[in-house]
């Protein structure tokens, strides 16, 4: 690692931009330690810094590898190649197993519907009506005086309820 890399790490560390959740790190340390052993706060912080530096090293190496290949998206294979180039050959089997396990778990998880309202059973018009009612209710709770004022018909541009028409959502095929 060059001096520039060390300066970058210190600058990032000093600015506080990147941090791991302290409670998670300390819980992990506690889970790994044998019964009866404790970890000082200073040691936990040092381990957290080591983890951050390790992630910076992998990220830097992986982004350089992607740049050489002309890729703009980092994939798992790039990370694995980067770890090998950094000398972590012994981890390859464990990492391949973890990646396979992750892929299997991901296949079993139900896909998230980008628009849960598509399966609500309500028509588009009914959803729009409910949405407008909720907007009106929220506006009324913020400024109750607006309810007593009549709507400007010129501002409604011909819409019967004074609201611009909403676009229909794209349906998934």
C-alpha atoms as a PDB file:
ATOM      1  CA  UNK A   1       0.000   0.000   0.000  1.00  0.00           C
ATOM      2  CA  UNK A   2       1.423   3.412  -0.923  1.00  0.00           C
ATOM      3  CA  UNK A   3       1.698   6.448   1.335  1.00  0.00           C
ATOM      4  CA  UNK A   4      -1.188   8.020  -0.548  1.00  0.00           C
ATOM      5  CA  UNK A   5      -3.435   5.123   0.448  1.00  0.00           C
ATOM      6  CA  UNK A   6      -2.509   5.607   4.090  1.00  0.00           C
ATOM      7  CA  UNK A   7      -3.267   9.326   3.897  1.00  0.00           C
ATOM      8  CA  UNK A   8      -6.616   8.588   2.273  1.00  0.00           C
ATOM      9  CA  UNK A   9      -7.482   6.190   5.069  1.00  0.00           C
ATOM     10  CA  UNK A  10      -6.526   8.663   7.769  1.00  0.00           C
ATOM     11  CA  UNK A  11      -8.463  11.464   6.081  1.00  0.00           C
ATOM     12  CA  UNK A  12     -11.586   9.337   5.817  1.00  0.00           C
ATOM     13  CA  UNK A  13     -11.195   8.162   9.389  1.00  0.00           C
ATOM     14  CA  UNK A  14     -10.684  11.692  10.710  1.00  0.00           C
ATOM     15  CA  UNK A  15     -13.650  13.066   8.795  1.00  0.00           C
ATOM     16  CA  UNK A  16     -15.904  10.386  10.286  1.00  0.00           C
ATOM     17  CA  UNK A  17     -17.519   9.613   6.930  1.00  0.00           C
ATOM     18  CA  UNK A  18     -17.226   5.862   7.258  1.00  0.00           C
ATOM     19  CA  UNK A  19     -17.993   3.863  10.366  1.00  0.00           C
ATOM     20  CA  UNK A  20     -19.307   0.445  11.241  1.00  0.00           C
ATOM     21  CA  UNK A  21     -22.089   0.237  13.817  1.00  0.00           C
ATOM     22  CA  UNK A  22     -20.197   0.156  17.102  1.00  0.00           C
ATOM     23  CA  UNK A  23     -22.753  -2.001  18.915  1.00  0.00           C
ATOM     24  CA  UNK A  24     -22.662  -4.605  16.142  1.00  0.00           C
ATOM     25  CA  UNK A  25     -18.857  -4.752  16.147  1.00  0.00           C
ATOM     26  CA  UNK A  26     -18.674  -5.109  19.929  1.00  0.00           C
ATOM     27  CA  UNK A  27     -21.423  -7.768  19.933  1.00  0.00           C
ATOM     28  CA  UNK A  28     -19.532  -9.725  17.279  1.00  0.00           C
ATOM     29  CA  UNK A  29     -16.303  -9.479  19.277  1.00  0.00           C
ATOM     30  CA  UNK A  30     -18.122 -10.635  22.412  1.00  0.00           C
ATOM     31  CA  UNK A  31     -19.655 -13.598  20.559  1.00  0.00           C
ATOM     32  CA  UNK A  32     -16.239 -14.711  19.273  1.00  0.00           C
ATOM     33  CA  UNK A  33     -14.337 -14.386  22.554  1.00  0.00           C
ATOM     34  CA  UNK A  34     -14.074 -17.434  24.819  1.00  0.00           C
ATOM     35  CA  UNK A  35     -16.146 -17.525  28.003  1.00  0.00           C
ATOM     36  CA  UNK A  36     -14.786 -15.217  30.691  1.00  0.00           C
ATOM     37  CA  UNK A  37     -12.801 -12.964  28.343  1.00  0.00           C
ATOM     38  CA  UNK A  38     -13.564  -9.296  27.807  1.00  0.00           C
ATOM     39  CA  UNK A  39     -12.548  -6.711  25.240  1.00  0.00           C
ATOM     40  CA  UNK A  40     -11.617  -3.167  26.209  1.00  0.00           C
ATOM     41  CA  UNK A  41     -13.215  -0.241  24.449  1.00  0.00           C
ATOM     42  CA  UNK A  42      -9.842   0.745  22.989  1.00  0.00           C
ATOM     43  CA  UNK A  43      -9.325  -2.755  21.572  1.00  0.00           C
ATOM     44  CA  UNK A  44     -12.830  -2.814  20.113  1.00  0.00           C
ATOM     45  CA  UNK A  45     -12.228   0.531  18.419  1.00  0.00           C
ATOM     46  CA  UNK A  46      -8.926  -0.765  17.031  1.00  0.00           C
ATOM     47  CA  UNK A  47     -10.666  -3.857  15.632  1.00  0.00           C
ATOM     48  CA  UNK A  48     -13.329  -1.614  14.098  1.00  0.00           C
ATOM     49  CA  UNK A  49     -10.596   0.494  12.434  1.00  0.00           C
ATOM     50  CA  UNK A  50      -8.938  -2.678  11.133  1.00  0.00           C
ATOM     51  CA  UNK A  51     -12.251  -3.801   9.636  1.00  0.00           C
ATOM     52  CA  UNK A  52     -12.728  -0.422   7.971  1.00  0.00           C
ATOM     53  CA  UNK A  53      -9.188  -0.470   6.574  1.00  0.00           C
ATOM     54  CA  UNK A  54      -9.739  -4.006   5.262  1.00  0.00           C
ATOM     55  CA  UNK A  55     -12.923  -2.891   3.493  1.00  0.00           C
ATOM     56  CA  UNK A  56     -11.109   0.122   2.019  1.00  0.00           C
ATOM     57  CA  UNK A  57      -8.323  -2.135   0.722  1.00  0.00           C
ATOM     58  CA  UNK A  58     -10.786  -4.537  -0.898  1.00  0.00           C
ATOM     59  CA  UNK A  59     -12.854  -1.694  -2.350  1.00  0.00           C
ATOM     60  CA  UNK A  60      -9.799   0.042  -3.780  1.00  0.00           C
ATOM     61  CA  UNK A  61      -8.422  -3.156  -5.292  1.00  0.00           C
ATOM     62  CA  UNK A  62     -11.833  -4.127  -6.687  1.00  0.00           C
ATOM     63  CA  UNK A  63     -12.463  -0.724  -8.253  1.00  0.00           C
ATOM     64  CA  UNK A  64      -9.015  -0.829  -9.878  1.00  0.00           C
ATOM     65  CA  UNK A  65      -9.770  -4.300 -11.253  1.00  0.00           C
ATOM     66  CA  UNK A  66     -13.114  -3.111 -12.644  1.00  0.00           C
ATOM     67  CA  UNK A  67     -11.457  -0.074 -14.221  1.00  0.00           C
ATOM     68  CA  UNK A  68      -8.885  -2.323 -15.942  1.00  0.00           C
ATOM     69  CA  UNK A  69     -11.726  -4.491 -17.293  1.00  0.00           C
ATOM     70  CA  UNK A  70     -13.759  -1.446 -18.338  1.00  0.00           C
ATOM     71  CA  UNK A  71     -16.635  -2.416 -16.029  1.00  0.00           C
ATOM     72  CA  UNK A  72     -18.725   0.119 -14.149  1.00  0.00           C
ATOM     73  CA  UNK A  73     -20.472  -2.351 -11.823  1.00  0.00           C
ATOM     74  CA  UNK A  74     -18.616  -4.367  -9.208  1.00  0.00           C
ATOM     75  CA  UNK A  75     -19.634  -8.009  -9.044  1.00  0.00           C
ATOM     76  CA  UNK A  76     -18.907 -10.777  -6.564  1.00  0.00           C
ATOM     77  CA  UNK A  77     -16.332 -12.275  -8.927  1.00  0.00           C
ATOM     78  CA  UNK A  78     -14.415  -8.968  -8.884  1.00  0.00           C
ATOM     79  CA  UNK A  79     -14.293  -9.033  -5.089  1.00  0.00           C
ATOM     80  CA  UNK A  80     -13.074 -12.638  -5.076  1.00  0.00           C
ATOM     81  CA  UNK A  81     -10.325 -11.831  -7.613  1.00  0.00           C
ATOM     82  CA  UNK A  82      -9.315  -8.801  -5.565  1.00  0.00           C
ATOM     83  CA  UNK A  83      -9.030 -10.838  -2.385  1.00  0.00           C
ATOM     84  CA  UNK A  84      -6.800 -13.312  -4.178  1.00  0.00           C
ATOM     85  CA  UNK A  85      -4.603 -10.529  -5.548  1.00  0.00           C
ATOM     86  CA  UNK A  86      -4.291  -9.136  -1.999  1.00  0.00           C
ATOM     87  CA  UNK A  87      -3.045 -12.532  -0.791  1.00  0.00           C
ATOM     88  CA  UNK A  88      -6.181 -13.992   0.767  1.00  0.00           C
ATOM     89  CA  UNK A  89      -6.065 -17.253  -1.233  1.00  0.00           C
ATOM     90  CA  UNK A  90      -6.858 -19.335   1.834  1.00  0.00           C
ATOM     91  CA  UNK A  91     -10.287 -17.720   2.142  1.00  0.00           C
ATOM     92  CA  UNK A  92     -11.446 -18.708  -1.347  1.00  0.00           C
ATOM     93  CA  UNK A  93     -13.308 -21.913  -0.398  1.00  0.00           C
ATOM     94  CA  UNK A  94     -15.128 -20.270   2.517  1.00  0.00           C
ATOM     95  CA  UNK A  95     -16.044 -17.249   0.405  1.00  0.00           C
ATOM     96  CA  UNK A  96     -17.306 -19.406  -2.461  1.00  0.00           C
ATOM     97  CA  UNK A  97     -19.453 -21.342   0.022  1.00  0.00           C
ATOM     98  CA  UNK A  98     -20.800 -18.095   1.525  1.00  0.00           C
ATOM     99  CA  UNK A  99     -21.596 -16.728  -1.939  1.00  0.00           C
ATOM    100  CA  UNK A 100     -23.390 -19.950  -2.932  1.00  0.00           C
ATOM    101  CA  UNK A 101     -25.365 -19.893   0.299  1.00  0.00           C
ATOM    102  CA  UNK A 102     -26.349 -16.271  -0.290  1.00  0.00           C
ATOM    103  CA  UNK A 103     -27.494 -17.056  -3.821  1.00  0.00           C
ATOM    104  CA  UNK A 104     -29.610 -19.987  -2.596  1.00  0.00           C
ATOM    105  CA  UNK A 105     -31.227 -17.888   0.117  1.00  0.00           C
ATOM    106  CA  UNK A 106     -31.900 -15.100  -2.397  1.00  0.00           C
ATOM    107  CA  UNK A 107     -33.628 -17.536  -4.756  1.00  0.00           C
ATOM    108  CA  UNK A 108     -35.962 -18.688  -1.981  1.00  0.00           C
ATOM    109  CA  UNK A 109     -36.936 -15.179  -0.866  1.00  0.00           C
ATOM    110  CA  UNK A 110     -40.130 -13.915  -2.441  1.00  0.00           C
ATOM    111  CA  UNK A 111     -39.558 -11.119  -4.929  1.00  0.00           C
ATOM    112  CA  UNK A 112     -40.580  -7.720  -3.674  1.00  0.00           C
ATOM    113  CA  UNK A 113     -43.341  -6.189  -5.739  1.00  0.00           C
ATOM    114  CA  UNK A 114     -42.197  -2.746  -6.847  1.00  0.00           C
ATOM    115  CA  UNK A 115     -45.769  -1.481  -6.598  1.00  0.00           C
ATOM    116  CA  UNK A 116     -47.727  -3.272  -3.871  1.00  0.00           C
ATOM    117  CA  UNK A 117     -50.901  -1.424  -4.901  1.00  0.00           C
ATOM    118  CA  UNK A 118     -51.077  -3.500  -8.104  1.00  0.00           C
ATOM    119  CA  UNK A 119     -52.250  -6.472  -6.061  1.00  0.00           C
ATOM    120  CA  UNK A 120     -54.522  -4.496  -3.704  1.00  0.00           C
ATOM    121  CA  UNK A 121     -57.675  -5.434  -5.606  1.00  0.00           C
ATOM    122  CA  UNK A 122     -58.692  -1.776  -5.895  1.00  0.00           C
ATOM    123  CA  UNK A 123     -59.103   0.027  -9.196  1.00  0.00           C
ATOM    124  CA  UNK A 124     -56.735   2.816 -10.161  1.00  0.00           C
ATOM    125  CA  UNK A 125     -59.545   5.339  -9.760  1.00  0.00           C
ATOM    126  CA  UNK A 126     -60.346   4.112  -6.242  1.00  0.00           C
ATOM    127  CA  UNK A 127     -56.659   4.299  -5.246  1.00  0.00           C
ATOM    128  CA  UNK A 128     -56.445   7.867  -6.607  1.00  0.00           C
ATOM    129  CA  UNK A 129     -59.633   8.805  -4.708  1.00  0.00           C
ATOM    130  CA  UNK A 130     -58.218   7.385  -1.467  1.00  0.00           C
ATOM    131  CA  UNK A 131     -54.906   9.134  -2.015  1.00  0.00           C
ATOM    132  CA  UNK A 132     -56.568  12.493  -2.597  1.00  0.00           C
ATOM    133  CA  UNK A 133     -58.710  12.020   0.508  1.00  0.00           C
ATOM    134  CA  UNK A 134     -55.584  11.322   2.548  1.00  0.00           C
ATOM    135  CA  UNK A 135     -53.867  14.419   1.099  1.00  0.00           C
ATOM    136  CA  UNK A 136     -56.897  16.537   1.962  1.00  0.00           C
ATOM    137  CA  UNK A 137     -56.991  15.100   5.473  1.00  0.00           C
ATOM    138  CA  UNK A 138     -53.277  15.809   5.963  1.00  0.00           C
ATOM    139  CA  UNK A 139     -53.646  19.354   4.627  1.00  0.00           C
ATOM    140  CA  UNK A 140     -56.604  19.965   6.925  1.00  0.00           C
ATOM    141  CA  UNK A 141     -54.675  18.769   9.951  1.00  0.00           C
ATOM    142  CA  UNK A 142     -51.810  21.131   9.081  1.00  0.00           C
ATOM    143  CA  UNK A 143     -53.965  24.190   8.369  1.00  0.00           C
ATOM    144  CA  UNK A 144     -57.633  23.875   9.336  1.00  0.00           C
ATOM    145  CA  UNK A 145     -58.497  27.329   7.887  1.00  0.00           C
ATOM    146  CA  UNK A 146     -57.954  26.066   4.302  1.00  0.00           C
ATOM    147  CA  UNK A 147     -61.054  23.858   4.489  1.00  0.00           C
ATOM    148  CA  UNK A 148     -63.423  26.819   4.692  1.00  0.00           C
ATOM    149  CA  UNK A 149     -61.962  28.562   1.611  1.00  0.00           C
ATOM    150  CA  UNK A 150     -63.528  27.639  -1.744  1.00  0.00           C
ATOM    151  CA  UNK A 151     -61.236  26.231  -4.414  1.00  0.00           C
ATOM    152  CA  UNK A 152     -60.297  28.429  -7.335  1.00  0.00           C
ATOM    153  CA  UNK A 153     -62.012  26.909 -10.381  1.00  0.00           C
ATOM    154  CA  UNK A 154     -59.461  28.480 -12.753  1.00  0.00           C
ATOM    155  CA  UNK A 155     -56.636  26.673 -10.976  1.00  0.00           C
ATOM    156  CA  UNK A 156     -58.363  23.314 -11.380  1.00  0.00           C
ATOM    157  CA  UNK A 157     -57.935  23.395 -15.179  1.00  0.00           C
ATOM    158  CA  UNK A 158     -61.218  21.659 -15.788  1.00  0.00           C
ATOM    159  CA  UNK A 159     -60.702  18.889 -13.246  1.00  0.00           C
ATOM    160  CA  UNK A 160     -63.831  18.325 -11.219  1.00  0.00           C
ATOM    161  CA  UNK A 161     -62.054  17.961  -7.856  1.00  0.00           C
ATOM    162  CA  UNK A 162     -59.307  20.546  -8.395  1.00  0.00           C
ATOM    163  CA  UNK A 163     -56.523  17.954  -8.548  1.00  0.00           C
ATOM    164  CA  UNK A 164     -54.440  17.213 -11.639  1.00  0.00           C
ATOM    165  CA  UNK A 165     -54.948  13.724 -13.017  1.00  0.00           C
ATOM    166  CA  UNK A 166     -52.494  11.119 -11.801  1.00  0.00           C
ATOM    167  CA  UNK A 167     -50.762   8.811 -14.225  1.00  0.00           C
ATOM    168  CA  UNK A 168     -51.835   5.218 -14.209  1.00  0.00           C
ATOM    169  CA  UNK A 169     -49.094   2.902 -12.918  1.00  0.00           C
ATOM    170  CA  UNK A 170     -47.423   0.590 -15.355  1.00  0.00           C
ATOM    171  CA  UNK A 171     -48.603  -2.961 -14.875  1.00  0.00           C
ATOM    172  CA  UNK A 172     -46.039  -5.688 -14.714  1.00  0.00           C
ATOM    173  CA  UNK A 173     -46.307  -8.306 -17.422  1.00  0.00           C
END
